[in-house]
C-alpha atoms as a PDB file:
ATOM      1  CA  MET A   1      16.479  -0.306  22.561  1.00  0.00           C
ATOM      2  CA  ALA A   2      16.627   2.908  24.553  1.00  0.00           C
ATOM      3  CA  LYS A   3      15.688   6.374  23.354  1.00  0.00           C
ATOM      4  CA  PRO A   4      18.513   7.778  21.207  1.00  0.00           C
ATOM      5  CA  VAL A   5      20.991  10.147  22.801  1.00  0.00           C
ATOM      6  CA  GLN A   6      22.992  12.997  21.327  1.00  0.00           C
ATOM      7  CA  GLY A   7      25.690  11.601  19.089  1.00  0.00           C
ATOM      8  CA  GLU A   8      23.301   9.076  17.522  1.00  0.00           C
ATOM      9  CA  TYR A   9      21.882  11.762  15.210  1.00  0.00           C
ATOM     10  CA  GLY A  10      22.617  15.253  13.891  1.00  0.00           C
ATOM     11  CA  SER A  11      21.854  18.081  16.310  1.00  0.00           C
ATOM     12  CA  PHE A  12      19.170  19.427  13.928  1.00  0.00           C
ATOM     13  CA  TYR A  13      16.930  16.521  14.964  1.00  0.00           C
ATOM     14  CA  GLU A  14      17.103  17.136  18.719  1.00  0.00           C
ATOM     15  CA  GLY A  15      13.855  19.115  18.698  1.00  0.00           C
ATOM     16  CA  TYR A  16      11.978  16.194  17.164  1.00  0.00           C
ATOM     17  CA  ILE A  17      13.520  13.423  19.244  1.00  0.00           C
ATOM     18  CA  SER A  18      12.991  15.356  22.484  1.00  0.00           C
ATOM     19  CA  LYS A  19       9.219  15.398  21.844  1.00  0.00           C
ATOM     20  CA  VAL A  20       8.965  11.603  22.024  1.00  0.00           C
ATOM     21  CA  ASP A  21       8.665  10.472  25.614  1.00  0.00           C
ATOM     22  CA  THR A  22       9.063   6.704  25.441  1.00  0.00           C
ATOM     23  CA  ASN A  23      11.802   4.296  26.422  1.00  0.00           C
ATOM     24  CA  ASN A  24      11.990   2.530  23.064  1.00  0.00           C
ATOM     25  CA  LEU A  25      10.771   2.827  19.496  1.00  0.00           C
ATOM     26  CA  HIS A  26       8.347  -0.088  19.685  1.00  0.00           C
ATOM     27  CA  GLU A  27       6.730   1.607  22.686  1.00  0.00           C
ATOM     28  CA  ALA A  28       6.504   4.817  20.617  1.00  0.00           C
ATOM     29  CA  VAL A  29       4.446   2.946  18.015  1.00  0.00           C
ATOM     30  CA  ASN A  30       2.048   1.769  20.729  1.00  0.00           C
ATOM     31  CA  THR A  31       1.883   5.176  22.428  1.00  0.00           C
ATOM     32  CA  TYR A  32       1.740   7.630  19.540  1.00  0.00           C
ATOM     33  CA  SER A  33       0.518   5.968  16.345  1.00  0.00           C
ATOM     34  CA  HIS A  34      -3.188   5.902  17.076  1.00  0.00           C
ATOM     35  CA  PRO A  35      -3.507   9.370  18.680  1.00  0.00           C
ATOM     36  CA  LEU A  36      -1.471  11.036  15.921  1.00  0.00           C
ATOM     37  CA  SER A  37      -3.332   9.228  13.162  1.00  0.00           C
ATOM     38  CA  TYR A  38      -6.648  10.156  14.776  1.00  0.00           C
ATOM     39  CA  PHE A  39      -5.604  13.819  14.978  1.00  0.00           C
ATOM     40  CA  TYR A  40      -4.515  14.114  11.350  1.00  0.00           C
ATOM     41  CA  VAL A  41      -7.441  12.143   9.910  1.00  0.00           C
ATOM     42  CA  ASN A  42      -9.910  14.318  11.800  1.00  0.00           C
ATOM     43  CA  LEU A  43      -8.589  17.662  10.590  1.00  0.00           C
ATOM     44  CA  PRO A  44     -11.649  19.662   9.512  1.00  0.00           C
ATOM     45  CA  GLU A  45     -12.449  19.708   5.805  1.00  0.00           C
ATOM     46  CA  GLU A  46     -13.357  23.408   5.981  1.00  0.00           C
ATOM     47  CA  LYS A  47      -9.756  24.209   6.992  1.00  0.00           C
ATOM     48  CA  ALA A  48      -8.132  22.247   4.135  1.00  0.00           C
ATOM     49  CA  ASP A  49      -7.183  25.328   2.116  1.00  0.00           C
ATOM     50  CA  TYR A  50      -6.637  27.653   5.083  1.00  0.00           C
ATOM     51  CA  ARG A  51      -3.318  29.497   5.499  1.00  0.00           C
ATOM     52  CA  TYR A  52      -2.651  31.326   8.722  1.00  0.00           C
ATOM     53  CA  ALA A  53      -0.605  33.973   6.874  1.00  0.00           C
ATOM     54  CA  PRO A  54       0.129  34.884   3.257  1.00  0.00           C
ATOM     55  CA  GLU A  55       2.804  32.685   1.665  1.00  0.00           C
ATOM     56  CA  LYS A  56       2.401  30.019   4.376  1.00  0.00           C
ATOM     57  CA  TRP A  57       1.350  26.483   3.557  1.00  0.00           C
ATOM     58  CA  THR A  58      -2.295  25.505   3.534  1.00  0.00           C
ATOM     59  CA  LEU A  59      -3.370  22.676   5.781  1.00  0.00           C
ATOM     60  CA  LYS A  60      -3.336  20.431   2.676  1.00  0.00           C
ATOM     61  CA  ASP A  61       0.252  21.520   1.949  1.00  0.00           C
ATOM     62  CA  LEU A  62       1.230  20.823   5.527  1.00  0.00           C
ATOM     63  CA  LEU A  63      -0.316  17.341   5.516  1.00  0.00           C
ATOM     64  CA  GLN A  64       1.457  16.618   2.222  1.00  0.00           C
ATOM     65  CA  HIS A  65       4.708  17.750   3.857  1.00  0.00           C
ATOM     66  CA  VAL A  66       4.131  15.396   6.795  1.00  0.00           C
ATOM     67  CA  ILE A  67       3.503  12.561   4.322  1.00  0.00           C
ATOM     68  CA  ASP A  68       6.564  13.354   2.196  1.00  0.00           C
ATOM     69  CA  THR A  69       8.819  13.648   5.221  1.00  0.00           C
ATOM     70  CA  GLU A  70       7.594  10.404   6.741  1.00  0.00           C
ATOM     71  CA  ARG A  71       8.084   8.614   3.416  1.00  0.00           C
ATOM     72  CA  ILE A  72      11.668   9.894   3.182  1.00  0.00           C
ATOM     73  CA  MET A  73      12.380   8.996   6.799  1.00  0.00           C
ATOM     74  CA  GLN A  74      10.804   5.576   6.328  1.00  0.00           C
ATOM     75  CA  TYR A  75      13.177   4.966   3.416  1.00  0.00           C
ATOM     76  CA  ARG A  76      16.101   6.045   5.588  1.00  0.00           C
ATOM     77  CA  LEU A  77      14.890   3.724   8.346  1.00  0.00           C
ATOM     78  CA  LEU A  78      14.738   0.814   5.915  1.00  0.00           C
ATOM     79  CA  ARG A  79      18.148   1.477   4.408  1.00  0.00           C
ATOM     80  CA  ILE A  80      19.916   1.993   7.722  1.00  0.00           C
ATOM     81  CA  GLY A  81      18.006  -0.829   9.416  1.00  0.00           C
ATOM     82  CA  ARG A  82      19.164  -3.171   6.650  1.00  0.00           C
ATOM     83  CA  ASN A  83      22.743  -2.005   7.251  1.00  0.00           C
ATOM     84  CA  ASP A  84      23.093  -0.115   3.968  1.00  0.00           C
ATOM     85  CA  SER A  85      25.956   2.316   4.548  1.00  0.00           C
ATOM     86  CA  THR A  86      25.351   4.373   1.393  1.00  0.00           C
ATOM     87  CA  PRO A  87      25.117   8.053   2.426  1.00  0.00           C
ATOM     88  CA  LEU A  88      21.593   9.395   2.020  1.00  0.00           C
ATOM     89  CA  PRO A  89      21.113  12.984   0.854  1.00  0.00           C
ATOM     90  CA  GLY A  90      19.028  15.634   2.554  1.00  0.00           C
ATOM     91  CA  PHE A  91      15.949  17.149   0.945  1.00  0.00           C
ATOM     92  CA  GLU A  92      14.531  20.632   0.641  1.00  0.00           C
ATOM     93  CA  GLU A  93      11.023  20.632   2.050  1.00  0.00           C
ATOM     94  CA  ASN A  94       9.964  23.804   0.227  1.00  0.00           C
ATOM     95  CA  ASP A  95      10.951  22.356  -3.156  1.00  0.00           C
ATOM     96  CA  TYR A  96       8.833  19.312  -2.398  1.00  0.00           C
ATOM     97  CA  ALA A  97       5.889  21.484  -1.328  1.00  0.00           C
ATOM     98  CA  ILE A  98       6.009  23.518  -4.539  1.00  0.00           C
ATOM     99  CA  THR A  99       5.937  20.467  -6.793  1.00  0.00           C
ATOM    100  CA  ALA A 100       3.570  18.287  -4.734  1.00  0.00           C
ATOM    101  CA  ASN A 101       0.451  20.111  -5.962  1.00  0.00           C
ATOM    102  CA  ALA A 102      -1.448  19.324  -2.771  1.00  0.00           C
ATOM    103  CA  SER A 103      -4.010  21.971  -3.726  1.00  0.00           C
ATOM    104  CA  LEU A 104      -5.124  19.750  -6.628  1.00  0.00           C
ATOM    105  CA  ARG A 105      -5.874  16.818  -4.332  1.00  0.00           C
ATOM    106  CA  SER A 106      -8.838  16.217  -2.106  1.00  0.00           C
ATOM    107  CA  PHE A 107      -8.245  16.398   1.608  1.00  0.00           C
ATOM    108  CA  VAL A 108      -9.752  12.908   1.870  1.00  0.00           C
ATOM    109  CA  SER A 109      -7.141  11.474  -0.524  1.00  0.00           C
ATOM    110  CA  LEU A 110      -4.326  13.058   1.481  1.00  0.00           C
ATOM    111  CA  LYS A 111      -5.724  11.577   4.676  1.00  0.00           C
ATOM    112  CA  GLU A 112      -6.050   8.131   3.055  1.00  0.00           C
ATOM    113  CA  GLU A 113      -2.430   8.284   1.919  1.00  0.00           C
ATOM    114  CA  PHE A 114      -1.360   9.383   5.391  1.00  0.00           C
ATOM    115  CA  ILE A 115      -3.115   6.420   7.052  1.00  0.00           C
ATOM    116  CA  ALA A 116      -1.640   3.913   4.584  1.00  0.00           C
ATOM    117  CA  LEU A 117       1.846   5.321   5.074  1.00  0.00           C
ATOM    118  CA  ARG A 118       1.494   5.352   8.876  1.00  0.00           C
ATOM    119  CA  LYS A 119       0.500   1.683   8.895  1.00  0.00           C
ATOM    120  CA  SER A 120       3.429   0.834   6.638  1.00  0.00           C
ATOM    121  CA  THR A 121       5.871   2.740   8.852  1.00  0.00           C
ATOM    122  CA  ASP A 122       4.584   1.098  12.014  1.00  0.00           C
ATOM    123  CA  LEU A 123       4.915  -2.370  10.469  1.00  0.00           C
ATOM    124  CA  LEU A 124       8.477  -1.588   9.384  1.00  0.00           C
ATOM    125  CA  ILE A 125       9.404  -0.380  12.864  1.00  0.00           C
ATOM    126  CA  GLN A 126       7.851  -3.447  14.480  1.00  0.00           C
ATOM    127  CA  SER A 127       9.821  -5.701  12.121  1.00  0.00           C
ATOM    128  CA  LEU A 128      13.214  -4.272  13.106  1.00  0.00           C
ATOM    129  CA  SER A 129      15.251  -6.008  15.772  1.00  0.00           C
ATOM    130  CA  GLU A 130      17.270  -4.181  18.406  1.00  0.00           C
ATOM    131  CA  GLU A 131      20.406  -5.021  16.431  1.00  0.00           C
ATOM    132  CA  GLN A 132      18.917  -3.480  13.284  1.00  0.00           C
ATOM    133  CA  LEU A 133      17.804  -0.368  15.183  1.00  0.00           C
ATOM    134  CA  ASN A 134      21.405   0.023  16.377  1.00  0.00           C
ATOM    135  CA  ASN A 135      22.723   0.160  12.809  1.00  0.00           C
ATOM    136  CA  ILE A 136      24.399   3.435  11.918  1.00  0.00           C
ATOM    137  CA  GLY A 137      24.100   5.144   8.568  1.00  0.00           C
ATOM    138  CA  LYS A 138      24.683   8.585   7.165  1.00  0.00           C
ATOM    139  CA  ALA A 139      21.847  10.930   6.221  1.00  0.00           C
ATOM    140  CA  SER A 140      22.006  14.639   5.441  1.00  0.00           C
ATOM    141  CA  GLY A 141      25.744  14.536   6.174  1.00  0.00           C
ATOM    142  CA  ASN A 142      25.349  13.165   9.717  1.00  0.00           C
ATOM    143  CA  ASN A 143      25.750   9.762  11.288  1.00  0.00           C
ATOM    144  CA  ILE A 144      22.413   8.475  12.502  1.00  0.00           C
ATOM    145  CA  THR A 145      21.027   5.251  13.928  1.00  0.00           C
ATOM    146  CA  ALA A 146      17.929   3.579  12.553  1.00  0.00           C
ATOM    147  CA  ASN A 147      16.457   4.003  16.030  1.00  0.00           C
ATOM    148  CA  ALA A 148      16.924   7.785  15.871  1.00  0.00           C
ATOM    149  CA  VAL A 149      15.235   7.909  12.455  1.00  0.00           C
ATOM    150  CA  GLY A 150      12.184   6.205  13.946  1.00  0.00           C
ATOM    151  CA  TYR A 151      12.037   8.711  16.788  1.00  0.00           C
ATOM    152  CA  ILE A 152      12.338  11.560  14.281  1.00  0.00           C
ATOM    153  CA  ILE A 153       9.282  10.258  12.422  1.00  0.00           C
ATOM    154  CA  PHE A 154       7.122  10.541  15.542  1.00  0.00           C
ATOM    155  CA  GLY A 155       8.693  13.796  16.719  1.00  0.00           C
ATOM    156  CA  HIS A 156       8.140  15.426  13.323  1.00  0.00           C
ATOM    157  CA  MET A 157       4.434  14.523  13.395  1.00  0.00           C
ATOM    158  CA  MET A 158       4.155  15.858  16.940  1.00  0.00           C
ATOM    159  CA  HIS A 159       5.907  19.094  15.943  1.00  0.00           C
ATOM    160  CA  HIS A 160       3.406  19.716  13.157  1.00  0.00           C
ATOM    161  CA  LYS A 161       0.447  18.669  15.309  1.00  0.00           C
ATOM    162  CA  LYS A 162       1.358  21.458  17.711  1.00  0.00           C
ATOM    163  CA  LEU A 163       1.729  23.984  14.869  1.00  0.00           C
ATOM    164  CA  ILE A 164      -1.650  22.966  13.475  1.00  0.00           C
ATOM    165  CA  GLU A 165      -3.311  23.351  16.869  1.00  0.00           C
ATOM    166  CA  GLU A 166      -1.735  26.775  17.399  1.00  0.00           C
ATOM    167  CA  ARG A 167      -2.044  28.270  13.920  1.00  0.00           C
ATOM    168  CA  TYR A 168      -4.659  26.432  11.871  1.00  0.00           C
ATOM    169  CA  LEU A 169      -7.471  25.358  14.188  1.00  0.00           C
END
């Protein structure tokens, strides 16, 4: 299944999808999963509570956000991949960050959760057929294919990797 094109997802997601340079989602798993996992798992412990500016998220908060977003997108991928046409609501990332209490967790526990979730997402993606990836659902008020949701997962991680490199490390 080819990389999604405009019309297969809401325009808000273009920035994420454009970051993924593969011809299909299964190739994205093979290309990006290990390097992204390696990057996030090797974030330095001494930077865990660092914020690059007042009122900005700490590195723990940011990793929790990446986890929460992937979990939500994984659920969307499952629902749409299984041809569930029930509209899926959006979510407010800042509300999640406030109530996640990432500051109370160890950085190690966040990294362990991230790795477990990544493995689970990759296995889900690998289990979906081309037909299932073509399924169309509705999320955050927009039509979207399961394939596009998978690309968003990788693009979102890449987006935050770049922000971490520029502002946290």
